[in-house]
């Protein structure tokens, strides 16, 4: 189960650590837009992060916040493999069940 952020760590340090992850995975988002696109930035990290970066992300952002970001993902917000991984990782889906289908975009 992912750990909760370290207590006693300043918000600025957590922000700097998240920013360091974001610049690795969000090459198409301008640095000034990270705050405005927080959910999108975190979702991108969730989708492409290495194992070590996943552990870092979980140490920065509380599990309920990661779950909220996952559950509010738009169609195409995460690849199917990442969608399933995070549902199991965050305990949103029991290990003996399939995660819900990821959101789909319907074309008119």
C-alpha atoms as a PDB file:
ATOM      1  CA  UNK A   1       0.000   0.000   0.000  1.00  0.00           C
ATOM      2  CA  UNK A   2       1.386   3.444  -0.852  1.00  0.00           C
ATOM      3  CA  UNK A   3       2.717   5.426   2.046  1.00  0.00           C
ATOM      4  CA  UNK A   4       1.417   8.763   3.171  1.00  0.00           C
ATOM      5  CA  UNK A   5       3.662  11.817   2.677  1.00  0.00           C
ATOM      6  CA  UNK A   6       6.378  12.278   5.239  1.00  0.00           C
ATOM      7  CA  UNK A   7       5.120  14.354   8.163  1.00  0.00           C
ATOM      8  CA  UNK A   8       7.099  17.439   9.044  1.00  0.00           C
ATOM      9  CA  UNK A   9       8.228  18.063   5.461  1.00  0.00           C
ATOM     10  CA  UNK A  10       7.450  21.554   4.222  1.00  0.00           C
ATOM     11  CA  UNK A  11       4.994  22.120   1.394  1.00  0.00           C
ATOM     12  CA  UNK A  12       7.771  23.842  -0.556  1.00  0.00           C
ATOM     13  CA  UNK A  13       9.972  20.727  -0.418  1.00  0.00           C
ATOM     14  CA  UNK A  14       7.050  18.559  -1.547  1.00  0.00           C
ATOM     15  CA  UNK A  15       6.318  21.000  -4.366  1.00  0.00           C
ATOM     16  CA  UNK A  16       9.964  20.938  -5.471  1.00  0.00           C
ATOM     17  CA  UNK A  17       9.995  17.130  -5.446  1.00  0.00           C
ATOM     18  CA  UNK A  18       6.801  16.994  -7.515  1.00  0.00           C
ATOM     19  CA  UNK A  19       8.212  19.564  -9.929  1.00  0.00           C
ATOM     20  CA  UNK A  20      11.353  17.426 -10.384  1.00  0.00           C
ATOM     21  CA  UNK A  21       9.150  14.486 -11.381  1.00  0.00           C
ATOM     22  CA  UNK A  22       6.967  16.631 -13.605  1.00  0.00           C
ATOM     23  CA  UNK A  23       9.826  17.933 -15.723  1.00  0.00           C
ATOM     24  CA  UNK A  24      10.817  14.326 -16.506  1.00  0.00           C
ATOM     25  CA  UNK A  25       7.398  13.300 -17.790  1.00  0.00           C
ATOM     26  CA  UNK A  26       5.599  16.467 -18.886  1.00  0.00           C
ATOM     27  CA  UNK A  27       7.815  17.639 -21.704  1.00  0.00           C
ATOM     28  CA  UNK A  28       4.895  19.318 -23.499  1.00  0.00           C
ATOM     29  CA  UNK A  29       3.631  21.381 -20.559  1.00  0.00           C
ATOM     30  CA  UNK A  30       5.137  24.788 -19.807  1.00  0.00           C
ATOM     31  CA  UNK A  31       6.570  24.981 -16.281  1.00  0.00           C
ATOM     32  CA  UNK A  32       4.328  27.920 -15.408  1.00  0.00           C
ATOM     33  CA  UNK A  33       1.252  25.772 -16.225  1.00  0.00           C
ATOM     34  CA  UNK A  34       2.077  22.960 -13.773  1.00  0.00           C
ATOM     35  CA  UNK A  35      -0.076  24.497 -11.052  1.00  0.00           C
ATOM     36  CA  UNK A  36      -2.981  25.139 -13.400  1.00  0.00           C
ATOM     37  CA  UNK A  37      -2.821  21.605 -14.782  1.00  0.00           C
ATOM     38  CA  UNK A  38      -2.016  19.795 -11.534  1.00  0.00           C
ATOM     39  CA  UNK A  39      -4.283  16.777 -12.168  1.00  0.00           C
ATOM     40  CA  UNK A  40      -3.010  16.368 -15.725  1.00  0.00           C
ATOM     41  CA  UNK A  41       0.603  16.591 -14.597  1.00  0.00           C
ATOM     42  CA  UNK A  42       0.119  14.018 -11.832  1.00  0.00           C
ATOM     43  CA  UNK A  43      -1.801  11.730 -14.205  1.00  0.00           C
ATOM     44  CA  UNK A  44       1.039  11.907 -16.722  1.00  0.00           C
ATOM     45  CA  UNK A  45       3.529  10.958 -14.023  1.00  0.00           C
ATOM     46  CA  UNK A  46       1.232   8.109 -12.938  1.00  0.00           C
ATOM     47  CA  UNK A  47       1.066   6.892 -16.532  1.00  0.00           C
ATOM     48  CA  UNK A  48       4.763   6.940 -17.448  1.00  0.00           C
ATOM     49  CA  UNK A  49       6.756   6.830 -14.206  1.00  0.00           C
ATOM     50  CA  UNK A  50       9.401   4.251 -13.418  1.00  0.00           C
ATOM     51  CA  UNK A  51       9.025   2.164 -10.259  1.00  0.00           C
ATOM     52  CA  UNK A  52      11.345   4.478  -8.313  1.00  0.00           C
ATOM     53  CA  UNK A  53       9.396   7.515  -9.477  1.00  0.00           C
ATOM     54  CA  UNK A  54       6.104   5.853  -8.516  1.00  0.00           C
ATOM     55  CA  UNK A  55       7.448   5.421  -4.996  1.00  0.00           C
ATOM     56  CA  UNK A  56       8.571   9.056  -4.993  1.00  0.00           C
ATOM     57  CA  UNK A  57       5.156  10.218  -6.217  1.00  0.00           C
ATOM     58  CA  UNK A  58       3.445   8.214  -3.485  1.00  0.00           C
ATOM     59  CA  UNK A  59       5.675   9.814  -0.881  1.00  0.00           C
ATOM     60  CA  UNK A  60       4.626  13.272  -2.093  1.00  0.00           C
ATOM     61  CA  UNK A  61       0.895  12.886  -2.747  1.00  0.00           C
ATOM     62  CA  UNK A  62      -1.475  11.155  -0.288  1.00  0.00           C
ATOM     63  CA  UNK A  63      -3.243   8.006  -1.460  1.00  0.00           C
ATOM     64  CA  UNK A  64      -6.748   9.597  -1.373  1.00  0.00           C
ATOM     65  CA  UNK A  65      -5.510  12.419  -3.628  1.00  0.00           C
ATOM     66  CA  UNK A  66      -3.987   9.946  -6.109  1.00  0.00           C
ATOM     67  CA  UNK A  67      -7.268   8.010  -6.085  1.00  0.00           C
ATOM     68  CA  UNK A  68      -9.236  11.202  -6.770  1.00  0.00           C
ATOM     69  CA  UNK A  69      -6.960  12.089  -9.684  1.00  0.00           C
ATOM     70  CA  UNK A  70      -7.260   8.572 -11.105  1.00  0.00           C
ATOM     71  CA  UNK A  71     -11.032   8.469 -10.789  1.00  0.00           C
ATOM     72  CA  UNK A  72     -11.445  11.869 -12.431  1.00  0.00           C
ATOM     73  CA  UNK A  73      -9.340  10.903 -15.452  1.00  0.00           C
ATOM     74  CA  UNK A  74     -10.858  11.858 -18.786  1.00  0.00           C
ATOM     75  CA  UNK A  75     -11.028   9.405 -21.670  1.00  0.00           C
ATOM     76  CA  UNK A  76      -7.482   8.658 -22.758  1.00  0.00           C
ATOM     77  CA  UNK A  77      -6.067  10.205 -19.580  1.00  0.00           C
ATOM     78  CA  UNK A  78      -4.188   6.995 -18.743  1.00  0.00           C
ATOM     79  CA  UNK A  79      -3.202   3.985 -20.794  1.00  0.00           C
ATOM     80  CA  UNK A  80      -5.188   0.798 -19.932  1.00  0.00           C
ATOM     81  CA  UNK A  81      -2.146  -0.820 -18.287  1.00  0.00           C
ATOM     82  CA  UNK A  82      -1.638   2.196 -15.995  1.00  0.00           C
ATOM     83  CA  UNK A  83      -5.384   2.430 -15.295  1.00  0.00           C
ATOM     84  CA  UNK A  84      -5.412  -1.165 -14.039  1.00  0.00           C
ATOM     85  CA  UNK A  85      -2.123  -0.860 -12.149  1.00  0.00           C
ATOM     86  CA  UNK A  86      -3.250   2.191 -10.172  1.00  0.00           C
ATOM     87  CA  UNK A  87      -6.652   0.712  -9.335  1.00  0.00           C
ATOM     88  CA  UNK A  88      -4.893  -2.234  -7.716  1.00  0.00           C
ATOM     89  CA  UNK A  89      -2.049  -0.185  -6.242  1.00  0.00           C
ATOM     90  CA  UNK A  90      -4.382   2.288  -4.545  1.00  0.00           C
ATOM     91  CA  UNK A  91      -6.701  -0.452  -3.307  1.00  0.00           C
ATOM     92  CA  UNK A  92      -9.649   0.764  -5.376  1.00  0.00           C
ATOM     93  CA  UNK A  93     -10.139  -2.701  -6.863  1.00  0.00           C
ATOM     94  CA  UNK A  94      -9.710  -5.978  -4.958  1.00  0.00           C
ATOM     95  CA  UNK A  95      -6.953  -8.158  -6.375  1.00  0.00           C
ATOM     96  CA  UNK A  96      -9.451 -10.891  -7.332  1.00  0.00           C
ATOM     97  CA  UNK A  97     -11.552  -8.495  -9.433  1.00  0.00           C
ATOM     98  CA  UNK A  98     -11.074  -6.612 -12.650  1.00  0.00           C
ATOM     99  CA  UNK A  99     -10.830  -2.835 -12.440  1.00  0.00           C
ATOM    100  CA  UNK A 100     -13.625  -0.833 -14.021  1.00  0.00           C
ATOM    101  CA  UNK A 101     -13.213  -0.040 -17.678  1.00  0.00           C
ATOM    102  CA  UNK A 102     -11.318   3.156 -18.314  1.00  0.00           C
ATOM    103  CA  UNK A 103     -13.351   6.114 -19.591  1.00  0.00           C
ATOM    104  CA  UNK A 104     -13.941   6.183 -23.318  1.00  0.00           C
ATOM    105  CA  UNK A 105     -14.647   9.088 -25.606  1.00  0.00           C
ATOM    106  CA  UNK A 106     -17.642   8.635 -27.839  1.00  0.00           C
ATOM    107  CA  UNK A 107     -17.490  10.253 -31.224  1.00  0.00           C
ATOM    108  CA  UNK A 108     -20.650  11.796 -32.628  1.00  0.00           C
END
